[in-house]
Amino acid sequence: MIVRRAFLAAAAAIAAIPFAFAQTQRTIRLIVPFTPGSPNDVIARLLAQHWSARSGQSVIVDNRPGGGTITGTKAAATAEPDGATLLFQSSSFVVAPAMYKNLDYDPFKSFVPVANAVEGHWVTVVPPDLPVNSIGDFIAYARANPGKLNFGFGQGTAPQLVGEWLKKKSGLDVGSVPYRGGAQAITDMLGGRIQLNIGTTATLVPLIKEGKLKALSVWSPTRYPDLPDVPTMIESGFPGLTLSFWAGLWAPAGTPAPLIEKINAEVNAVLGAPEMAASLHKLGVEARPGSSQDFAAFIAAERPKWLDIVRVSGVIVE
C-alpha cells in the first residue's frame, strides 16, 4: 500500500513503562476492526511502532475485520480489563449503534474512552475519466445517467453513511457496492468497477496526486492544504456540512481509572514526539492528544451528528 511507505523509523528514546505492565512486560494488543492496509490499520501500526520504541513494551496490532467493525469491537469488549488489550477504532464506534438495529452489545457501556489519537479529512473521489469536476457536476451526471454509476465503500463504516447520505440528499440513483474494507473499494475504483468513493486523505491524496483518481470535494470546514484547488462540501452547496476522520483508543469497561490515565499519558507522549508528528503528517492526519475526559466529551458530541446522518441516509442493518 502507498500509505505504508509513509512510515518513518521508530524513535529511539526509552521512557518509563506504565506501572501495571512494569513487572510482567506483557504485550499490549491493539485490536483494529479493519482490514490490513486500511487507514485505521496503518495509523494503528504507526502508533504501535513508536509506542514500542518509546516504552520498551511490545505493542502489536491485531486485525479483526468483519461485520462492519462489529467483530473486532466485540472481541475487545470481552477482553480482560487489565490494560493489555485496547480497541483502536474510528467513527464506526458511534456509527454501529445507530446503524445496526439488532446490535447485541452497547459499545458505550462496554468500553471506556482512553485517548483520542488522530484527526484527518474525508475526500470525495471519482475516476479521472469520469466527465465531472465538482460535486455539482457529479450530481448532474448521475441524474442524467440513472443506475449507471456505483458507489463503493467499506461495509459498516462512516464513508458508507456519508455516501448514502449524499445520495439521499441529492436524489441519486447510484448503486451501492459494499466491501470488507475500504482499501478493496479503491482497488475496484482503479479497475473501473465503481465510480464514487469517499475516504481519508491518508489513502487517497497520493493517488490523486498521481492522477489515478480525481478529487471533487473535501468534507472539512476549510480546504485541505495538500489539495488547495478542491472545494469543501460547504462551498459545493451543502451549508454547514463538516465531517472529519478521527480515531482513538478505548479499553474494556472495568479497566481501573488510574491505569486508563497511565495509558493516556503514554499515548499522549507518543503523539507529542516530533518523529510521530512528522509520520502522521505524511499520512495526512494530525495528532489530537488530550485527556481521557476530553475524548469522552468529543465522542458525546460526535454521537448525535452521526445519528442524524444515519437517519437521513436510511442505512439500517437488521
Protein backbone atom coordinates (compact mmCIF):
# COMPACT_ATOMS: atom_id res chain seq x y z
CA MET A 1 0.00 0.00 0.00
CA ILE A 2 1.11 3.53 -0.81
CA VAL A 3 0.39 4.76 2.70
CA ARG A 4 2.74 2.18 4.17
CA ARG A 5 5.67 3.99 2.52
CA ALA A 6 4.99 6.91 4.82
CA PHE A 7 6.27 5.06 7.89
CA LEU A 8 9.41 6.59 9.38
CA ALA A 9 11.99 4.88 11.54
CA ALA A 10 10.83 4.41 15.15
CA ALA A 11 12.04 6.83 17.81
CA ALA A 12 14.93 5.52 19.92
CA ALA A 13 14.11 7.20 23.23
CA ILE A 14 13.07 4.92 26.09
CA ALA A 15 10.56 6.15 28.69
CA ALA A 16 9.04 4.74 31.84
CA ILE A 17 6.71 1.76 31.39
CA PRO A 18 3.17 2.21 32.77
CA PHE A 19 3.03 0.78 36.28
CA ALA A 20 0.61 -2.06 35.53
CA PHE A 21 2.96 -3.51 32.93
CA ALA A 22 6.29 -2.96 34.60
CA GLN A 23 6.53 -6.29 36.38
CA THR A 24 5.21 -8.65 33.74
CA GLN A 25 6.27 -6.98 30.48
CA ARG A 26 3.09 -8.25 28.87
CA THR A 27 2.41 -7.47 25.25
CA ILE A 28 -0.10 -4.68 24.65
CA ARG A 29 -2.54 -5.69 21.93
CA LEU A 30 -4.37 -3.12 19.84
CA ILE A 31 -7.43 -4.72 18.28
CA VAL A 32 -8.14 -2.98 14.97
CA PRO A 33 -11.51 -3.98 13.47
CA PHE A 34 -10.40 -3.03 9.97
CA THR A 35 -8.59 -4.78 7.13
CA PRO A 36 -4.79 -4.61 6.85
CA GLY A 37 -3.72 -1.63 4.75
CA SER A 38 -6.75 0.48 5.66
CA PRO A 39 -6.12 3.98 7.10
CA ASN A 40 -7.01 2.85 10.63
CA ASP A 41 -4.68 -0.12 10.36
CA VAL A 42 -1.77 1.97 9.07
CA ILE A 43 -2.21 4.60 11.79
CA ALA A 44 -2.53 1.94 14.49
CA ARG A 45 0.69 0.27 13.30
CA LEU A 46 2.48 3.60 13.31
CA LEU A 47 1.29 4.25 16.87
CA ALA A 48 2.34 0.74 17.95
CA GLN A 49 5.77 1.17 16.38
CA HIS A 50 6.50 4.45 18.15
CA TRP A 51 4.90 3.30 21.39
CA SER A 52 7.04 0.17 21.48
CA ALA A 53 10.20 2.16 20.81
CA ARG A 54 9.38 4.72 23.48
CA SER A 55 8.36 2.35 26.29
CA GLY A 56 10.29 -0.83 25.55
CA GLN A 57 6.91 -2.59 25.74
CA SER A 58 5.82 -4.88 22.91
CA VAL A 59 2.79 -3.24 21.29
CA ILE A 60 1.16 -5.21 18.46
CA VAL A 61 -1.77 -4.74 16.09
CA ASP A 62 -4.39 -7.48 15.92
CA ASN A 63 -6.62 -7.04 12.85
CA ARG A 64 -10.17 -8.31 13.41
CA PRO A 65 -12.22 -7.08 10.42
CA GLY A 66 -15.74 -8.21 9.68
CA GLY A 67 -19.36 -7.36 10.42
CA GLY A 68 -18.88 -3.67 9.74
CA THR A 69 -16.22 -3.48 12.52
CA ILE A 70 -18.50 -5.32 14.98
CA THR A 71 -16.40 -8.50 15.06
CA GLY A 72 -13.26 -6.80 16.33
CA THR A 73 -15.09 -4.39 18.59
CA LYS A 74 -16.89 -7.24 20.39
CA ALA A 75 -13.60 -9.13 20.74
CA ALA A 76 -12.08 -6.13 22.51
CA ALA A 77 -15.17 -5.67 24.68
CA THR A 78 -14.82 -9.17 26.13
CA ALA A 79 -11.10 -8.86 26.88
CA GLU A 80 -9.81 -8.66 30.45
CA PRO A 81 -9.98 -5.06 31.73
CA ASP A 82 -6.31 -5.00 32.64
CA GLY A 83 -4.90 -2.61 30.04
CA ALA A 84 -3.27 -5.36 27.99
CA THR A 85 -5.95 -5.25 25.28
CA LEU A 86 -7.20 -1.98 23.78
CA LEU A 87 -9.53 -1.13 20.90
CA PHE A 88 -8.32 1.18 18.13
CA GLN A 89 -11.47 2.48 16.45
CA SER A 90 -12.78 5.40 14.46
CA SER A 91 -16.20 6.97 13.95
CA SER A 92 -17.52 3.45 13.27
CA PHE A 93 -17.64 3.20 17.08
CA VAL A 94 -20.53 5.68 17.18
CA VAL A 95 -21.95 4.65 13.79
CA ALA A 96 -22.62 0.98 14.64
CA PRO A 97 -25.21 1.51 17.44
CA ALA A 98 -27.23 3.77 15.13
CA MET A 99 -26.82 1.65 12.02
CA TYR A 100 -27.32 -1.90 13.29
CA LYS A 101 -30.87 -2.47 14.50
CA ASN A 102 -30.15 -5.64 16.48
CA LEU A 103 -26.70 -4.90 17.82
CA ASP A 104 -26.30 -7.28 20.76
CA TYR A 105 -23.97 -5.10 22.79
CA ASP A 106 -23.75 -1.45 23.78
CA PRO A 107 -20.29 -0.02 22.98
CA PHE A 108 -20.92 2.94 25.24
CA LYS A 109 -21.36 0.60 28.21
CA SER A 110 -18.76 -1.97 27.12
CA PHE A 111 -15.84 0.46 26.82
CA VAL A 112 -14.26 3.44 28.49
CA PRO A 113 -12.52 6.12 26.36
CA VAL A 114 -8.75 6.19 26.77
CA ALA A 115 -7.28 8.66 24.31
CA ASN A 116 -8.05 10.43 21.08
CA ALA A 117 -5.23 9.79 18.62
CA VAL A 118 -5.65 11.49 15.26
CA GLU A 119 -7.95 13.59 13.14
CA GLY A 120 -7.98 13.92 9.37
CA HIS A 121 -10.21 14.66 6.43
CA TRP A 122 -12.63 12.91 4.10
CA VAL A 123 -12.30 13.48 0.36
CA THR A 124 -14.72 12.54 -2.43
CA VAL A 125 -13.10 10.93 -5.48
CA VAL A 126 -14.08 9.61 -8.91
CA PRO A 127 -12.10 8.00 -11.75
CA PRO A 128 -10.13 10.55 -13.79
CA ASP A 129 -12.03 9.72 -16.98
CA LEU A 130 -15.47 10.44 -15.50
CA PRO A 131 -16.58 13.73 -17.15
CA VAL A 132 -17.19 15.63 -13.90
CA ASN A 133 -15.05 18.12 -11.98
CA SER A 134 -17.18 19.02 -8.97
CA ILE A 135 -19.86 17.62 -6.71
CA GLY A 136 -22.40 19.63 -8.68
CA ASP A 137 -21.15 18.06 -11.91
CA PHE A 138 -21.36 14.58 -10.39
CA ILE A 139 -24.93 15.11 -9.19
CA ALA A 140 -25.99 16.35 -12.63
CA TYR A 141 -24.19 13.48 -14.39
CA ALA A 142 -25.67 10.86 -12.05
CA ARG A 143 -29.18 12.25 -12.59
CA ALA A 144 -28.66 12.12 -16.36
CA ASN A 145 -27.37 8.52 -16.11
CA PRO A 146 -29.58 6.79 -13.52
CA GLY A 147 -28.45 3.33 -12.46
CA LYS A 148 -25.17 3.54 -14.39
CA LEU A 149 -22.82 4.56 -11.59
CA ASN A 150 -21.67 2.68 -8.48
CA PHE A 151 -20.59 3.86 -5.05
CA GLY A 152 -18.04 1.63 -3.28
CA PHE A 153 -17.34 1.60 0.47
CA GLY A 154 -16.24 -0.49 3.43
CA GLN A 155 -19.30 -2.14 4.98
CA GLY A 156 -20.46 -0.52 8.20
CA THR A 157 -18.04 2.40 8.02
CA ALA A 158 -18.52 6.16 8.11
CA PRO A 159 -17.86 6.55 4.35
CA GLN A 160 -20.82 4.27 3.65
CA LEU A 161 -23.14 6.52 5.64
CA VAL A 162 -21.67 9.71 4.22
CA GLY A 163 -22.10 8.47 0.65
CA GLU A 164 -25.62 7.17 1.23
CA TRP A 165 -26.49 10.47 2.89
CA LEU A 166 -25.22 12.32 -0.21
CA LYS A 167 -27.24 10.05 -2.50
CA LYS A 168 -30.42 10.58 -0.48
CA LYS A 169 -29.96 14.33 -0.15
CA SER A 170 -29.36 14.67 -3.89
CA GLY A 171 -31.93 12.12 -5.07
CA LEU A 172 -29.39 9.98 -6.94
CA ASP A 173 -29.94 6.54 -8.45
CA VAL A 174 -26.41 5.26 -7.81
CA GLY A 175 -25.66 1.64 -6.97
CA SER A 176 -24.12 0.71 -3.61
CA VAL A 177 -21.29 -1.84 -3.52
CA PRO A 178 -20.12 -2.91 -0.03
CA TYR A 179 -16.62 -4.26 0.57
CA ARG A 180 -14.97 -5.95 3.53
CA GLY A 181 -12.69 -2.91 3.78
CA GLY A 182 -12.29 0.49 2.17
CA ALA A 183 -8.98 -0.44 0.54
CA GLN A 184 -10.77 -3.02 -1.61
CA ALA A 185 -13.16 -0.34 -2.84
CA ILE A 186 -10.21 1.74 -4.01
CA THR A 187 -8.78 -1.24 -5.88
CA ASP A 188 -12.07 -1.66 -7.72
CA MET A 189 -12.27 2.05 -8.49
CA LEU A 190 -8.83 1.87 -10.06
CA GLY A 191 -10.11 -1.11 -12.04
CA GLY A 192 -13.13 0.82 -13.32
CA ARG A 193 -15.81 -1.10 -11.44
CA ILE A 194 -17.01 1.75 -9.21
CA GLN A 195 -17.27 5.48 -9.89
CA LEU A 196 -17.66 7.10 -6.48
CA ASN A 197 -15.73 6.74 -3.25
CA ILE A 198 -15.34 8.77 -0.08
CA GLY A 199 -12.26 8.09 2.01
CA THR A 200 -9.43 9.57 4.00
CA THR A 201 -6.81 11.89 2.65
CA ALA A 202 -4.26 9.42 4.08
CA THR A 203 -5.28 6.86 1.47
CA LEU A 204 -6.49 8.97 -1.42
CA VAL A 205 -4.21 12.02 -1.72
CA PRO A 206 -1.23 10.04 -3.10
CA LEU A 207 -3.49 8.53 -5.77
CA ILE A 208 -4.96 11.95 -6.56
CA LYS A 209 -1.50 13.47 -6.97
CA GLU A 210 -0.51 10.60 -9.29
CA GLY A 211 -3.54 11.30 -11.45
CA LYS A 212 -5.11 7.92 -10.74
CA LEU A 213 -8.14 9.49 -9.05
CA LYS A 214 -9.91 12.85 -9.32
CA ALA A 215 -10.92 14.78 -6.19
CA LEU A 216 -14.29 16.55 -6.18
CA SER A 217 -14.61 17.81 -2.60
CA VAL A 218 -13.30 17.68 0.94
CA TRP A 219 -15.61 17.46 3.95
CA SER A 220 -13.60 19.72 6.28
CA PRO A 221 -14.59 23.27 7.28
CA THR A 222 -11.77 24.71 5.16
CA ARG A 223 -9.83 23.47 2.15
CA TYR A 224 -7.20 20.82 2.71
CA PRO A 225 -3.69 22.31 2.27
CA ASP A 226 -2.45 19.45 0.06
CA LEU A 227 -5.49 19.87 -2.22
CA PRO A 228 -5.84 23.66 -2.39
CA ASP A 229 -7.93 23.62 -5.57
CA VAL A 230 -10.51 21.17 -4.22
CA PRO A 231 -13.57 22.91 -2.68
CA THR A 232 -15.20 21.94 0.58
CA MET A 233 -18.70 20.46 0.70
CA ILE A 234 -19.85 23.81 2.13
CA GLU A 235 -18.51 25.55 -0.97
CA SER A 236 -20.14 22.83 -3.08
CA GLY A 237 -23.65 23.76 -1.98
CA PHE A 238 -24.07 21.95 1.36
CA PRO A 239 -24.12 24.72 4.00
CA GLY A 240 -22.84 23.78 7.45
CA LEU A 241 -21.69 20.32 6.40
CA THR A 242 -18.39 19.35 8.00
CA LEU A 243 -17.25 15.85 8.92
CA SER A 244 -13.82 14.57 9.83
CA PHE A 245 -11.99 11.29 10.06
CA TRP A 246 -10.83 10.51 13.60
CA ALA A 247 -9.55 7.53 15.53
CA GLY A 248 -8.67 6.74 19.11
CA LEU A 249 -8.29 4.15 21.84
CA TRP A 250 -10.81 2.52 24.15
CA ALA A 251 -10.37 -0.01 26.97
CA PRO A 252 -12.86 -2.65 28.14
CA ALA A 253 -15.27 -1.39 30.78
CA GLY A 254 -13.97 -2.03 34.27
CA THR A 255 -10.38 -1.06 33.48
CA PRO A 256 -9.16 0.83 36.58
CA ALA A 257 -9.19 4.61 36.20
CA PRO A 258 -5.53 5.03 37.29
CA LEU A 259 -4.49 2.59 34.56
CA ILE A 260 -6.57 4.47 31.99
CA GLU A 261 -4.77 7.67 32.92
CA LYS A 262 -1.35 5.98 32.74
CA ILE A 263 -2.06 4.67 29.25
CA ASN A 264 -3.47 8.05 28.22
CA ALA A 265 -0.27 9.77 29.37
CA GLU A 266 1.89 7.29 27.47
CA VAL A 267 -0.14 7.66 24.26
CA ASN A 268 -0.03 11.45 24.53
CA ALA A 269 3.73 11.32 24.95
CA VAL A 270 3.99 9.21 21.81
CA LEU A 271 1.69 11.56 19.87
CA GLY A 272 3.72 14.56 21.02
CA ALA A 273 7.05 13.22 19.76
CA PRO A 274 8.36 15.13 16.70
CA GLU A 275 9.04 11.87 14.85
CA MET A 276 5.45 10.73 15.35
CA ALA A 277 4.04 14.10 14.30
CA ALA A 278 6.11 14.01 11.11
CA SER A 279 4.96 10.47 10.33
CA LEU A 280 1.31 11.35 10.87
CA HIS A 281 1.61 14.44 8.70
CA LYS A 282 2.87 12.30 5.85
CA LEU A 283 -0.29 10.21 6.23
CA GLY A 284 -2.50 13.29 6.01
CA VAL A 285 -3.62 13.29 9.65
CA GLU A 286 -2.71 15.25 12.76
CA ALA A 287 -2.23 14.15 16.36
CA ARG A 288 -5.02 15.02 18.77
CA PRO A 289 -3.62 14.47 22.26
CA GLY A 290 -5.79 15.16 25.28
CA SER A 291 -7.18 13.63 28.45
CA SER A 292 -9.50 10.64 28.54
CA GLN A 293 -12.20 13.05 29.67
CA ASP A 294 -11.58 15.21 26.59
CA PHE A 295 -12.02 12.14 24.41
CA ALA A 296 -15.25 11.18 26.18
CA ALA A 297 -16.65 14.68 25.61
CA PHE A 298 -15.61 14.56 21.94
CA ILE A 299 -17.40 11.23 21.43
CA ALA A 300 -20.52 12.59 23.14
CA ALA A 301 -20.54 15.50 20.69
CA GLU A 302 -20.00 13.25 17.65
CA ARG A 303 -22.72 10.76 18.52
CA PRO A 304 -25.82 12.89 17.67
CA LYS A 305 -24.19 14.09 14.46
CA TRP A 306 -23.81 10.54 13.18
CA LEU A 307 -27.25 9.54 14.45
CA ASP A 308 -28.71 12.22 12.20
CA ILE A 309 -26.65 11.06 9.22
CA VAL A 310 -27.90 7.50 9.74
CA ARG A 311 -31.48 8.76 9.93
CA VAL A 312 -31.23 10.74 6.71
CA SER A 313 -29.27 8.04 4.84
CA GLY A 314 -31.80 5.36 5.75
CA VAL A 315 -29.00 2.81 6.20
CA ILE A 316 -30.24 0.37 8.83
CA VAL A 317 -28.89 -3.18 9.03
CA GLU A 318 -31.19 -5.83 10.50
